[in-house]
Amino acid sequence: MKILALTRLLFITLPLVGCGSNPTEVKLPASPQNVTTEQTTQWGFDGDAVDSLPAGVESFSGKWVVRAETDAPSPPNALCQIETTEFPALSLSTRVYTDVVVSTRFKPISGTMDQAAGIIFRIQDQDNYYILRANALENNVNIYKYAGGQRSGIKDGSAQVVSGQWQELRVEVTGNLIRGFLNDQLVVEATDDTYPAGRIGLWTKVDSVTCFDDIQANLP
């Protein structure tokens, strides 16, 4: 009788697993073996062909091209997003990070609705990741979660983001702690447990024309 009761219980409960309404999809588990402390990866785009997508980069949306920028932090080239779409985004490589520090130089060039620059991290796929975003029209640096193709806010931070000028954006991720920096100043921090590990990439918003250079990723 006990075995029969247990069988009935399993029959009732097992079909419910994984059938909730939460669209978040975790595909990449945390692992201390993903990247070692000796590994530092950099992207400068100076060896990439102009008017093309850099080798190893996967574009999720928008139009991302390498182009010559006379004032690039490391001339002659930078990677720029130049197309209007809701959330232009890309993954820089297939490498998976658990804890990571990602920094980039960025320049918001134009945009009437937004002048945004973002680092995305713990990417599961094109619809699931975190965002650290700076916006020159709103003067803020915010942390978001992108889950099932929908963006939601985690924490906002106020900071002066200058249009037409190169600045540095940096995110530090350790466990569930996310810390966002603008020009070496801590602006925003929060905790979230949704994504334990993932890839890294770049992001803009709507009509933002934004360029990026001197990207670096390493362990904290």
N, C-alpha and C. Protein backbone atom coordinates (compact mmCIF):
# COMPACT_ATOMS: atom_id res chain seq x y z
N MET A 1 0.82 -1.21 0.00
CA MET A 1 0.00 0.00 0.00
C MET A 1 0.85 1.26 0.00
N LYS A 2 1.94 1.23 0.76
CA LYS A 2 2.83 2.40 0.79
C LYS A 2 3.46 2.64 -0.57
N ILE A 3 3.87 1.54 -1.24
CA ILE A 3 4.49 1.68 -2.57
C ILE A 3 3.47 2.24 -3.55
N LEU A 4 2.23 1.77 -3.49
CA LEU A 4 1.19 2.26 -4.37
C LEU A 4 0.92 3.73 -4.14
N ALA A 5 0.88 4.17 -2.88
CA ALA A 5 0.63 5.58 -2.56
C ALA A 5 1.75 6.46 -3.09
N LEU A 6 3.01 6.01 -2.95
CA LEU A 6 4.16 6.78 -3.43
C LEU A 6 4.11 6.90 -4.94
N THR A 7 3.72 5.80 -5.63
CA THR A 7 3.63 5.83 -7.09
C THR A 7 2.60 6.85 -7.54
N ARG A 8 1.47 6.89 -6.85
CA ARG A 8 0.43 7.86 -7.19
C ARG A 8 0.90 9.28 -6.97
N LEU A 9 1.66 9.53 -5.91
CA LEU A 9 2.17 10.86 -5.62
C LEU A 9 3.13 11.32 -6.70
N LEU A 10 4.05 10.44 -7.13
CA LEU A 10 4.98 10.79 -8.19
C LEU A 10 4.26 11.07 -9.49
N PHE A 11 3.23 10.30 -9.78
CA PHE A 11 2.46 10.49 -11.00
C PHE A 11 1.80 11.86 -11.02
N ILE A 12 1.40 12.33 -9.85
CA ILE A 12 0.72 13.62 -9.77
C ILE A 12 1.70 14.77 -9.85
N THR A 13 2.85 14.67 -9.18
CA THR A 13 3.73 15.83 -9.04
C THR A 13 4.75 15.98 -10.16
N LEU A 14 5.23 14.89 -10.74
CA LEU A 14 6.31 15.01 -11.71
C LEU A 14 5.94 15.84 -12.94
N PRO A 15 4.76 15.73 -13.51
CA PRO A 15 4.44 16.55 -14.68
C PRO A 15 4.45 18.04 -14.43
N LEU A 16 4.40 18.48 -13.17
CA LEU A 16 4.39 19.90 -12.87
C LEU A 16 5.78 20.52 -12.92
N VAL A 17 6.83 19.72 -12.86
CA VAL A 17 8.19 20.25 -12.82
C VAL A 17 8.52 20.91 -14.14
N GLY A 18 8.99 22.19 -14.06
CA GLY A 18 9.42 22.90 -15.26
C GLY A 18 8.28 23.48 -16.08
N CYS A 19 7.05 23.47 -15.56
CA CYS A 19 5.91 23.94 -16.33
C CYS A 19 5.38 25.26 -15.83
N GLY A 20 6.17 26.00 -15.05
CA GLY A 20 5.73 27.28 -14.53
C GLY A 20 5.72 28.35 -15.61
N SER A 21 5.29 29.56 -15.26
CA SER A 21 5.18 30.64 -16.22
C SER A 21 6.44 31.47 -16.33
N ASN A 22 7.45 31.18 -15.51
CA ASN A 22 8.70 31.94 -15.53
C ASN A 22 9.46 31.66 -16.82
N PRO A 23 9.71 32.70 -17.67
CA PRO A 23 10.37 32.47 -18.96
C PRO A 23 11.88 32.36 -18.86
N THR A 24 12.47 32.61 -17.69
CA THR A 24 13.91 32.59 -17.53
C THR A 24 14.46 31.20 -17.85
N GLU A 25 15.54 31.17 -18.63
CA GLU A 25 16.14 29.90 -18.99
C GLU A 25 17.61 29.91 -18.62
N VAL A 26 17.98 29.03 -17.68
CA VAL A 26 19.37 28.90 -17.25
C VAL A 26 19.98 27.70 -17.98
N LYS A 27 20.96 27.98 -18.83
CA LYS A 27 21.59 26.93 -19.61
C LYS A 27 23.03 26.66 -19.20
N LEU A 28 23.66 27.65 -18.57
CA LEU A 28 25.09 27.55 -18.27
C LEU A 28 25.29 27.55 -16.76
N PRO A 29 25.61 26.41 -16.15
CA PRO A 29 25.78 26.34 -14.70
C PRO A 29 27.08 26.97 -14.25
N ALA A 30 27.13 27.38 -12.98
CA ALA A 30 28.35 27.93 -12.41
C ALA A 30 29.40 26.84 -12.29
N SER A 31 30.65 27.20 -12.55
CA SER A 31 31.76 26.26 -12.40
C SER A 31 33.04 27.03 -12.21
N PRO A 32 33.81 26.75 -11.15
CA PRO A 32 35.09 27.44 -10.95
C PRO A 32 36.12 27.05 -12.00
N GLN A 33 35.82 26.04 -12.81
CA GLN A 33 36.77 25.59 -13.82
C GLN A 33 36.57 26.28 -15.16
N ASN A 34 35.55 27.13 -15.28
CA ASN A 34 35.28 27.76 -16.58
C ASN A 34 36.44 28.60 -17.06
N VAL A 35 36.95 29.48 -16.20
CA VAL A 35 38.05 30.38 -16.53
C VAL A 35 38.99 30.43 -15.34
N THR A 36 40.29 30.38 -15.58
CA THR A 36 41.24 30.41 -14.48
C THR A 36 41.73 31.83 -14.23
N THR A 37 42.40 32.03 -13.10
CA THR A 37 42.87 33.35 -12.73
C THR A 37 43.93 33.88 -13.69
N GLU A 38 44.57 32.99 -14.44
CA GLU A 38 45.62 33.43 -15.35
C GLU A 38 45.06 33.96 -16.67
N GLN A 39 43.79 33.76 -16.91
CA GLN A 39 43.22 34.11 -18.20
C GLN A 39 42.64 35.52 -18.20
N THR A 40 43.17 36.39 -19.05
CA THR A 40 42.62 37.72 -19.28
C THR A 40 42.40 37.85 -20.78
N THR A 41 41.21 38.24 -21.16
CA THR A 41 40.87 38.36 -22.58
C THR A 41 40.62 39.82 -22.90
N GLN A 42 41.15 40.26 -24.05
CA GLN A 42 41.01 41.66 -24.47
C GLN A 42 40.50 41.72 -25.91
N TRP A 43 39.73 42.77 -26.19
CA TRP A 43 39.26 43.05 -27.53
C TRP A 43 39.58 44.50 -27.86
N GLY A 44 40.30 44.72 -28.98
CA GLY A 44 40.65 46.07 -29.40
C GLY A 44 40.21 46.41 -30.80
N PHE A 45 39.91 45.40 -31.62
CA PHE A 45 39.32 45.55 -32.95
C PHE A 45 40.23 46.17 -34.01
N ASP A 46 41.49 46.41 -33.68
CA ASP A 46 42.38 47.04 -34.64
C ASP A 46 42.86 46.07 -35.72
N GLY A 47 42.76 44.78 -35.45
CA GLY A 47 43.13 43.80 -36.46
C GLY A 47 41.95 43.27 -37.24
N ASP A 48 40.75 43.81 -36.97
CA ASP A 48 39.55 43.34 -37.66
C ASP A 48 39.25 44.23 -38.87
N ALA A 49 38.62 43.63 -39.87
CA ALA A 49 38.28 44.37 -41.09
C ALA A 49 37.21 45.41 -40.81
N VAL A 50 37.39 46.60 -41.36
CA VAL A 50 36.42 47.69 -41.21
C VAL A 50 35.12 47.31 -41.91
N ASP A 51 34.01 47.76 -41.37
CA ASP A 51 32.66 47.51 -41.90
C ASP A 51 32.24 46.05 -41.78
N SER A 52 32.83 45.35 -40.83
CA SER A 52 32.46 43.95 -40.63
C SER A 52 32.29 43.66 -39.15
N LEU A 53 31.75 42.49 -38.86
CA LEU A 53 31.63 42.01 -37.49
C LEU A 53 32.92 41.30 -37.12
N PRO A 54 33.51 41.55 -35.96
CA PRO A 54 34.77 40.90 -35.59
C PRO A 54 34.63 39.38 -35.53
N ALA A 55 35.72 38.71 -35.79
CA ALA A 55 35.73 37.25 -35.73
C ALA A 55 35.40 36.78 -34.31
N GLY A 56 34.59 35.74 -34.20
CA GLY A 56 34.25 35.17 -32.91
C GLY A 56 33.09 35.83 -32.20
N VAL A 57 32.59 36.93 -32.75
CA VAL A 57 31.48 37.67 -32.14
C VAL A 57 30.16 37.16 -32.71
N GLU A 58 29.17 36.99 -31.85
CA GLU A 58 27.83 36.59 -32.28
C GLU A 58 26.86 37.73 -32.04
N SER A 59 26.31 38.27 -33.11
CA SER A 59 25.34 39.36 -32.99
C SER A 59 23.95 38.79 -32.74
N PHE A 60 23.29 39.27 -31.68
CA PHE A 60 21.92 38.87 -31.39
C PHE A 60 20.92 39.76 -32.11
N SER A 61 21.23 41.07 -32.16
CA SER A 61 20.34 42.03 -32.80
C SER A 61 21.11 43.33 -33.03
N GLY A 62 20.57 44.19 -33.90
CA GLY A 62 21.24 45.44 -34.24
C GLY A 62 22.27 45.24 -35.34
N LYS A 63 22.96 46.30 -35.69
CA LYS A 63 24.04 46.25 -36.68
C LYS A 63 25.32 46.71 -36.02
N TRP A 64 26.23 45.77 -35.80
CA TRP A 64 27.51 46.02 -35.14
C TRP A 64 28.62 45.93 -36.18
N VAL A 65 29.41 46.99 -36.31
CA VAL A 65 30.48 47.00 -37.31
C VAL A 65 31.75 47.62 -36.72
N VAL A 66 32.87 47.13 -37.18
CA VAL A 66 34.15 47.76 -36.87
C VAL A 66 34.30 48.96 -37.79
N ARG A 67 34.68 50.09 -37.24
CA ARG A 67 34.93 51.26 -38.09
C ARG A 67 36.04 52.11 -37.49
N ALA A 68 36.67 52.89 -38.35
CA ALA A 68 37.76 53.77 -37.91
C ALA A 68 37.18 54.93 -37.11
N GLU A 69 37.76 55.15 -35.94
CA GLU A 69 37.38 56.28 -35.07
C GLU A 69 38.65 57.02 -34.72
N THR A 70 38.77 58.26 -35.17
CA THR A 70 40.02 59.01 -35.02
C THR A 70 40.42 59.20 -33.57
N ASP A 71 39.42 59.22 -32.67
CA ASP A 71 39.73 59.45 -31.25
C ASP A 71 39.61 58.17 -30.42
N ALA A 72 39.62 57.01 -31.06
CA ALA A 72 39.50 55.76 -30.33
C ALA A 72 40.59 55.64 -29.27
N PRO A 73 40.28 55.11 -28.09
CA PRO A 73 41.28 54.98 -27.03
C PRO A 73 42.52 54.22 -27.48
N SER A 74 42.33 53.18 -28.29
CA SER A 74 43.48 52.51 -28.92
C SER A 74 43.23 52.50 -30.42
N PRO A 75 43.68 53.54 -31.13
CA PRO A 75 43.37 53.69 -32.55
C PRO A 75 44.00 52.58 -33.39
N PRO A 76 43.44 52.32 -34.60
CA PRO A 76 42.48 53.20 -35.27
C PRO A 76 41.01 52.81 -35.15
N ASN A 77 40.70 51.57 -34.70
CA ASN A 77 39.33 51.07 -34.82
C ASN A 77 38.58 50.97 -33.50
N ALA A 78 37.26 50.95 -33.63
CA ALA A 78 36.37 50.67 -32.51
C ALA A 78 35.21 49.85 -33.06
N LEU A 79 34.45 49.22 -32.17
CA LEU A 79 33.26 48.47 -32.56
C LEU A 79 32.04 49.33 -32.25
N CYS A 80 31.20 49.56 -33.27
CA CYS A 80 30.09 50.50 -33.11
C CYS A 80 28.76 49.84 -33.48
N GLN A 81 27.71 50.23 -32.76
CA GLN A 81 26.35 49.79 -33.06
C GLN A 81 25.63 50.95 -33.70
N ILE A 82 25.09 50.74 -34.92
CA ILE A 82 24.62 51.88 -35.72
C ILE A 82 23.18 51.74 -36.20
N GLU A 83 22.47 50.71 -35.77
CA GLU A 83 21.11 50.48 -36.27
C GLU A 83 20.10 50.69 -35.16
N THR A 84 18.91 51.17 -35.53
CA THR A 84 17.83 51.36 -34.57
C THR A 84 17.03 50.08 -34.43
N THR A 85 17.03 49.52 -33.24
CA THR A 85 16.21 48.37 -32.90
C THR A 85 16.04 48.38 -31.39
N GLU A 86 15.16 47.57 -30.85
CA GLU A 86 14.81 47.71 -29.43
C GLU A 86 16.03 47.55 -28.51
N PHE A 87 16.68 46.40 -28.56
CA PHE A 87 17.83 46.14 -27.69
C PHE A 87 18.95 45.48 -28.51
N PRO A 88 19.76 46.26 -29.21
CA PRO A 88 20.91 45.67 -29.92
C PRO A 88 21.85 45.00 -28.92
N ALA A 89 22.29 43.79 -29.25
CA ALA A 89 23.14 43.05 -28.31
C ALA A 89 24.01 42.06 -29.07
N LEU A 90 25.15 41.72 -28.47
CA LEU A 90 26.02 40.70 -29.04
C LEU A 90 26.78 39.98 -27.93
N SER A 91 27.26 38.79 -28.26
CA SER A 91 28.15 38.03 -27.39
C SER A 91 29.56 38.11 -27.97
N LEU A 92 30.54 38.39 -27.12
CA LEU A 92 31.91 38.58 -27.59
C LEU A 92 32.63 37.27 -27.90
N SER A 93 32.27 36.20 -27.21
CA SER A 93 32.91 34.90 -27.46
C SER A 93 32.07 33.80 -26.83
N THR A 94 32.52 32.57 -26.99
CA THR A 94 31.81 31.43 -26.39
C THR A 94 32.31 31.12 -24.98
N ARG A 95 33.29 31.85 -24.49
CA ARG A 95 33.85 31.58 -23.17
C ARG A 95 32.83 31.85 -22.07
N VAL A 96 32.75 30.93 -21.12
CA VAL A 96 31.79 31.03 -20.02
C VAL A 96 32.50 31.48 -18.75
N TYR A 97 31.94 32.49 -18.09
CA TYR A 97 32.48 33.02 -16.84
C TYR A 97 31.46 32.81 -15.72
N THR A 98 31.96 32.53 -14.53
CA THR A 98 31.14 32.55 -13.32
C THR A 98 31.35 33.91 -12.66
N ASP A 99 32.40 34.09 -11.88
CA ASP A 99 32.78 35.41 -11.38
C ASP A 99 33.65 36.08 -12.43
N VAL A 100 33.44 37.39 -12.65
CA VAL A 100 34.16 38.07 -13.72
C VAL A 100 34.15 39.58 -13.50
N VAL A 101 35.20 40.22 -14.02
CA VAL A 101 35.25 41.68 -14.13
C VAL A 101 35.33 42.00 -15.61
N VAL A 102 34.39 42.80 -16.11
CA VAL A 102 34.38 43.21 -17.51
C VAL A 102 34.40 44.73 -17.58
N SER A 103 35.34 45.27 -18.34
CA SER A 103 35.41 46.72 -18.51
C SER A 103 35.47 47.06 -20.00
N THR A 104 34.97 48.23 -20.35
CA THR A 104 35.04 48.71 -21.72
C THR A 104 35.09 50.22 -21.73
N ARG A 105 35.77 50.76 -22.72
CA ARG A 105 35.66 52.18 -23.01
C ARG A 105 34.50 52.34 -23.99
N PHE A 106 33.70 53.37 -23.81
CA PHE A 106 32.55 53.57 -24.68
C PHE A 106 32.33 55.05 -24.96
N LYS A 107 31.71 55.33 -26.11
CA LYS A 107 31.37 56.72 -26.45
C LYS A 107 29.96 56.76 -27.01
N PRO A 108 29.01 57.40 -26.29
CA PRO A 108 27.67 57.61 -26.86
C PRO A 108 27.76 58.73 -27.90
N ILE A 109 27.42 58.43 -29.13
CA ILE A 109 27.60 59.40 -30.22
C ILE A 109 26.31 60.15 -30.53
N SER A 110 25.21 59.42 -30.66
CA SER A 110 23.95 60.09 -30.99
C SER A 110 22.78 59.21 -30.57
N GLY A 111 21.58 59.80 -30.67
CA GLY A 111 20.34 59.13 -30.33
C GLY A 111 19.39 60.12 -29.68
N THR A 112 18.17 60.20 -30.19
CA THR A 112 17.20 61.13 -29.61
C THR A 112 16.36 60.47 -28.52
N MET A 113 16.18 59.16 -28.61
CA MET A 113 15.43 58.43 -27.59
C MET A 113 16.34 57.89 -26.50
N ASP A 114 17.51 57.41 -26.90
CA ASP A 114 18.49 56.87 -25.95
C ASP A 114 19.90 57.10 -26.48
N GLN A 115 20.84 57.24 -25.55
CA GLN A 115 22.27 57.21 -25.87
C GLN A 115 22.90 56.28 -24.84
N ALA A 116 22.75 54.99 -25.12
CA ALA A 116 23.06 53.97 -24.12
C ALA A 116 24.26 53.14 -24.52
N ALA A 117 24.97 52.67 -23.49
CA ALA A 117 26.06 51.71 -23.66
C ALA A 117 25.93 50.69 -22.55
N GLY A 118 26.05 49.42 -22.91
CA GLY A 118 25.87 48.40 -21.89
C GLY A 118 26.84 47.24 -22.02
N ILE A 119 27.12 46.64 -20.88
CA ILE A 119 27.82 45.36 -20.81
C ILE A 119 26.78 44.32 -20.44
N ILE A 120 26.71 43.23 -21.19
CA ILE A 120 25.84 42.13 -20.79
C ILE A 120 26.72 40.97 -20.32
N PHE A 121 26.21 40.22 -19.36
CA PHE A 121 27.02 39.20 -18.71
C PHE A 121 26.13 38.08 -18.19
N ARG A 122 26.79 36.93 -17.94
CA ARG A 122 26.07 35.70 -17.62
C ARG A 122 24.99 35.41 -18.67
N ILE A 123 25.40 35.60 -19.92
CA ILE A 123 24.50 35.34 -21.05
C ILE A 123 24.23 33.84 -21.16
N GLN A 124 22.94 33.49 -21.19
CA GLN A 124 22.53 32.12 -21.47
C GLN A 124 22.29 31.93 -22.97
N ASP A 125 21.61 32.91 -23.55
CA ASP A 125 21.32 32.96 -24.98
C ASP A 125 20.86 34.38 -25.28
N GLN A 126 20.32 34.61 -26.47
CA GLN A 126 19.96 35.97 -26.87
C GLN A 126 18.81 36.56 -26.05
N ASP A 127 18.10 35.73 -25.30
CA ASP A 127 16.94 36.21 -24.54
C ASP A 127 17.11 36.20 -23.04
N ASN A 128 18.29 35.78 -22.54
CA ASN A 128 18.47 35.63 -21.09
C ASN A 128 19.88 36.06 -20.67
N TYR A 129 19.96 37.16 -19.90
CA TYR A 129 21.24 37.66 -19.42
C TYR A 129 21.02 38.85 -18.48
N TYR A 130 22.10 39.34 -17.89
CA TYR A 130 22.09 40.59 -17.11
C TYR A 130 22.66 41.72 -17.96
N ILE A 131 22.28 42.96 -17.60
CA ILE A 131 22.77 44.16 -18.30
C ILE A 131 23.25 45.18 -17.26
N LEU A 132 24.43 45.75 -17.48
CA LEU A 132 24.83 46.99 -16.80
C LEU A 132 24.82 48.06 -17.87
N ARG A 133 23.96 49.05 -17.72
CA ARG A 133 23.74 50.05 -18.77
C ARG A 133 23.97 51.47 -18.29
N ALA A 134 24.74 52.24 -19.07
CA ALA A 134 24.93 53.67 -18.84
C ALA A 134 24.15 54.44 -19.91
N ASN A 135 23.51 55.56 -19.54
CA ASN A 135 22.72 56.32 -20.50
C ASN A 135 23.03 57.81 -20.36
N ALA A 136 23.49 58.41 -21.48
CA ALA A 136 23.89 59.82 -21.46
C ALA A 136 22.69 60.76 -21.44
N LEU A 137 21.51 60.32 -21.88
CA LEU A 137 20.34 61.18 -21.85
C LEU A 137 19.66 61.17 -20.48
N GLU A 138 19.85 60.09 -19.74
CA GLU A 138 19.21 59.96 -18.43
C GLU A 138 20.17 60.17 -17.27
N ASN A 139 21.48 60.19 -17.56
CA ASN A 139 22.50 60.31 -16.52
C ASN A 139 22.31 59.27 -15.41
N ASN A 140 22.36 58.02 -15.83
CA ASN A 140 22.28 56.95 -14.85
C ASN A 140 23.04 55.72 -15.33
N VAL A 141 23.34 54.85 -14.38
CA VAL A 141 23.96 53.55 -14.65
C VAL A 141 23.12 52.53 -13.90
N ASN A 142 22.42 51.67 -14.63
CA ASN A 142 21.43 50.77 -14.04
C ASN A 142 21.77 49.31 -14.30
N ILE A 143 21.27 48.45 -13.42
CA ILE A 143 21.39 47.00 -13.58
C ILE A 143 20.02 46.44 -13.95
N TYR A 144 20.00 45.63 -15.01
CA TYR A 144 18.75 45.01 -15.46
C TYR A 144 18.93 43.51 -15.60
N LYS A 145 17.80 42.83 -15.65
CA LYS A 145 17.75 41.41 -16.01
C LYS A 145 16.93 41.28 -17.28
N TYR A 146 17.45 40.53 -18.24
CA TYR A 146 16.73 40.24 -19.47
C TYR A 146 16.37 38.76 -19.42
N ALA A 147 15.09 38.45 -19.29
CA ALA A 147 14.64 37.08 -19.09
C ALA A 147 13.50 36.77 -20.04
N GLY A 148 13.68 35.73 -20.84
CA GLY A 148 12.66 35.36 -21.81
C GLY A 148 12.36 36.46 -22.79
N GLY A 149 13.38 37.29 -23.10
CA GLY A 149 13.20 38.39 -24.04
C GLY A 149 12.50 39.61 -23.47
N GLN A 150 12.39 39.69 -22.13
CA GLN A 150 11.76 40.83 -21.47
C GLN A 150 12.73 41.44 -20.46
N ARG A 151 12.87 42.76 -20.50
CA ARG A 151 13.79 43.45 -19.59
C ARG A 151 13.05 43.92 -18.34
N SER A 152 13.70 43.75 -17.18
CA SER A 152 13.16 44.26 -15.92
C SER A 152 14.30 44.87 -15.11
N GLY A 153 13.98 45.90 -14.35
CA GLY A 153 14.98 46.60 -13.56
C GLY A 153 15.33 45.86 -12.28
N ILE A 154 16.62 45.90 -11.94
CA ILE A 154 17.08 45.37 -10.65
C ILE A 154 17.47 46.50 -9.72
N LYS A 155 18.30 47.46 -10.21
CA LYS A 155 18.73 48.58 -9.36
C LYS A 155 19.17 49.73 -10.25
N ASP A 156 18.83 50.97 -9.86
CA ASP A 156 19.23 52.18 -10.59
C ASP A 156 20.30 52.93 -9.81
N GLY A 157 21.18 53.61 -10.55
CA GLY A 157 22.20 54.46 -9.94
C GLY A 157 22.38 55.73 -10.75
N SER A 158 22.53 56.86 -10.08
CA SER A 158 22.70 58.15 -10.77
C SER A 158 24.18 58.45 -11.00
N ALA A 159 24.49 58.91 -12.22
CA ALA A 159 25.87 59.28 -12.56
C ALA A 159 25.84 60.14 -13.82
N GLN A 160 26.82 61.02 -13.96
CA GLN A 160 26.90 61.86 -15.14
C GLN A 160 27.57 61.08 -16.27
N VAL A 161 26.80 60.78 -17.29
CA VAL A 161 27.30 60.09 -18.48
C VAL A 161 27.32 61.10 -19.61
N VAL A 162 28.50 61.34 -20.20
CA VAL A 162 28.68 62.45 -21.14
C VAL A 162 28.57 61.96 -22.58
N SER A 163 27.73 62.62 -23.35
CA SER A 163 27.59 62.31 -24.77
C SER A 163 28.81 62.80 -25.54
N GLY A 164 29.25 62.00 -26.53
CA GLY A 164 30.36 62.41 -27.39
C GLY A 164 31.72 62.31 -26.76
N GLN A 165 31.83 61.59 -25.67
CA GLN A 165 33.10 61.49 -24.95
C GLN A 165 33.35 60.04 -24.54
N TRP A 166 34.61 59.62 -24.65
CA TRP A 166 34.98 58.27 -24.21
C TRP A 166 35.01 58.20 -22.69
N GLN A 167 34.37 57.17 -22.15
CA GLN A 167 34.33 56.92 -20.72
C GLN A 167 34.54 55.43 -20.48
N GLU A 168 34.67 55.03 -19.22
CA GLU A 168 34.84 53.62 -18.91
C GLU A 168 33.66 53.10 -18.11
N LEU A 169 33.13 51.97 -18.54
CA LEU A 169 32.07 51.26 -17.82
C LEU A 169 32.65 49.92 -17.37
N ARG A 170 32.37 49.54 -16.12
CA ARG A 170 32.92 48.28 -15.60
C ARG A 170 31.89 47.59 -14.71
N VAL A 171 31.81 46.27 -14.87
CA VAL A 171 30.96 45.48 -13.99
C VAL A 171 31.82 44.43 -13.30
N GLU A 172 31.57 44.25 -12.02
CA GLU A 172 32.25 43.22 -11.23
C GLU A 172 31.18 42.28 -10.68
N VAL A 173 31.32 41.01 -10.98
CA VAL A 173 30.33 40.01 -10.58
C VAL A 173 31.01 38.94 -9.74
N THR A 174 30.55 38.78 -8.51
CA THR A 174 31.07 37.76 -7.61
C THR A 174 29.89 37.07 -6.93
N GLY A 175 29.71 35.79 -7.21
CA GLY A 175 28.54 35.10 -6.67
C GLY A 175 27.27 35.76 -7.18
N ASN A 176 26.40 36.19 -6.26
CA ASN A 176 25.17 36.86 -6.69
C ASN A 176 25.28 38.38 -6.59
N LEU A 177 26.47 38.88 -6.29
CA LEU A 177 26.68 40.33 -6.14
C LEU A 177 27.13 40.95 -7.46
N ILE A 178 26.42 42.00 -7.88
CA ILE A 178 26.73 42.74 -9.11
C ILE A 178 27.05 44.18 -8.73
N ARG A 179 28.22 44.67 -9.17
CA ARG A 179 28.63 46.05 -8.87
C ARG A 179 28.97 46.77 -10.17
N GLY A 180 28.40 47.95 -10.38
CA GLY A 180 28.61 48.72 -11.59
C GLY A 180 29.40 49.98 -11.34
N PHE A 181 30.41 50.24 -12.17
CA PHE A 181 31.30 51.39 -12.02
C PHE A 181 31.29 52.24 -13.29
N LEU A 182 31.36 53.55 -13.12
CA LEU A 182 31.57 54.48 -14.23
C LEU A 182 32.82 55.29 -13.92
N ASN A 183 33.81 55.19 -14.79
CA ASN A 183 35.07 55.91 -14.60
C ASN A 183 35.66 55.65 -13.21
N ASP A 184 35.68 54.36 -12.83
CA ASP A 184 36.27 53.87 -11.58
C ASP A 184 35.48 54.25 -10.33
N GLN A 185 34.31 54.85 -10.49
CA GLN A 185 33.48 55.19 -9.34
C GLN A 185 32.31 54.21 -9.24
N LEU A 186 32.14 53.59 -8.06
CA LEU A 186 31.02 52.69 -7.85
C LEU A 186 29.72 53.49 -7.89
N VAL A 187 28.81 53.07 -8.77
CA VAL A 187 27.55 53.79 -8.95
C VAL A 187 26.36 52.98 -8.47
N VAL A 188 26.39 51.66 -8.71
CA VAL A 188 25.22 50.85 -8.40
C VAL A 188 25.66 49.45 -8.03
N GLU A 189 24.96 48.83 -7.08
CA GLU A 189 25.23 47.44 -6.74
C GLU A 189 23.94 46.77 -6.28
N ALA A 190 23.86 45.46 -6.54
CA ALA A 190 22.65 44.71 -6.19
C ALA A 190 23.00 43.23 -6.17
N THR A 191 22.07 42.43 -5.69
CA THR A 191 22.23 40.98 -5.72
C THR A 191 21.07 40.37 -6.49
N ASP A 192 21.39 39.27 -7.19
CA ASP A 192 20.36 38.53 -7.91
C ASP A 192 20.88 37.11 -8.16
N ASP A 193 20.01 36.14 -8.04
CA ASP A 193 20.40 34.73 -8.12
C ASP A 193 19.94 34.03 -9.40
N THR A 194 19.47 34.77 -10.38
CA THR A 194 18.86 34.13 -11.54
C THR A 194 19.86 33.34 -12.38
N TYR A 195 20.97 33.98 -12.76
CA TYR A 195 21.93 33.33 -13.66
C TYR A 195 23.26 33.11 -12.92
N PRO A 196 23.72 31.86 -12.80
CA PRO A 196 24.95 31.58 -12.06
C PRO A 196 26.22 31.74 -12.87
N ALA A 197 26.13 31.72 -14.21
CA ALA A 197 27.31 31.82 -15.07
C ALA A 197 26.85 32.11 -16.48
N GLY A 198 27.79 32.47 -17.35
CA GLY A 198 27.42 32.71 -18.75
C GLY A 198 28.48 33.47 -19.51
N ARG A 199 28.17 33.78 -20.74
CA ARG A 199 29.08 34.53 -21.61
C ARG A 199 28.98 36.03 -21.32
N ILE A 200 29.80 36.81 -22.01
CA ILE A 200 29.78 38.27 -21.86
C ILE A 200 29.61 38.92 -23.22
N GLY A 201 29.12 40.18 -23.21
CA GLY A 201 28.93 40.87 -24.48
C GLY A 201 28.62 42.34 -24.29
N LEU A 202 28.06 42.95 -25.34
CA LEU A 202 27.78 44.39 -25.36
C LEU A 202 26.32 44.62 -25.73
N TRP A 203 25.84 45.83 -25.44
CA TRP A 203 24.42 46.12 -25.57
C TRP A 203 24.22 47.62 -25.77
N THR A 204 23.21 48.00 -26.55
CA THR A 204 22.76 49.40 -26.60
C THR A 204 21.23 49.39 -26.59
N LYS A 205 20.64 50.52 -26.88
CA LYS A 205 19.17 50.58 -26.83
C LYS A 205 18.62 51.50 -27.93
N VAL A 206 17.61 51.04 -28.61
CA VAL A 206 16.80 51.77 -29.58
C VAL A 206 17.67 52.49 -30.63
N ASP A 207 17.72 53.83 -30.62
CA ASP A 207 18.43 54.57 -31.68
C ASP A 207 19.83 55.02 -31.25
N SER A 208 20.36 54.41 -30.22
CA SER A 208 21.71 54.77 -29.76
C SER A 208 22.75 54.38 -30.81
N VAL A 209 23.57 55.34 -31.20
CA VAL A 209 24.80 55.05 -31.95
C VAL A 209 25.94 55.15 -30.95
N THR A 210 26.54 54.03 -30.64
CA THR A 210 27.53 53.95 -29.56
C THR A 210 28.72 53.13 -30.04
N CYS A 211 29.92 53.58 -29.68
CA CYS A 211 31.14 52.85 -30.02
C CYS A 211 31.81 52.31 -28.75
N PHE A 212 32.49 51.18 -28.92
CA PHE A 212 33.18 50.50 -27.81
C PHE A 212 34.61 50.19 -28.22
N ASP A 213 35.51 50.22 -27.23
CA ASP A 213 36.91 49.88 -27.48
C ASP A 213 37.54 49.40 -26.17
N ASP A 214 38.69 48.75 -26.30
CA ASP A 214 39.49 48.33 -25.14
C ASP A 214 38.67 47.55 -24.12
N ILE A 215 38.02 46.49 -24.57
CA ILE A 215 37.25 45.63 -23.67
C ILE A 215 38.19 44.61 -23.03
N GLN A 216 37.99 44.38 -21.76
CA GLN A 216 38.81 43.41 -21.04
C GLN A 216 37.95 42.61 -20.08
N ALA A 217 38.24 41.30 -20.00
CA ALA A 217 37.53 40.42 -19.07
C ALA A 217 38.53 39.57 -18.34
N ASN A 218 38.38 39.48 -17.02
CA ASN A 218 39.23 38.64 -16.19
C ASN A 218 38.49 38.30 -14.90
N LEU A 219 39.06 37.43 -14.10
CA LEU A 219 38.45 37.08 -12.83
C LEU A 219 38.70 38.17 -11.80
N PRO A 220 37.79 38.30 -10.81
CA PRO A 220 37.97 39.32 -9.76
C PRO A 220 39.25 39.07 -8.98
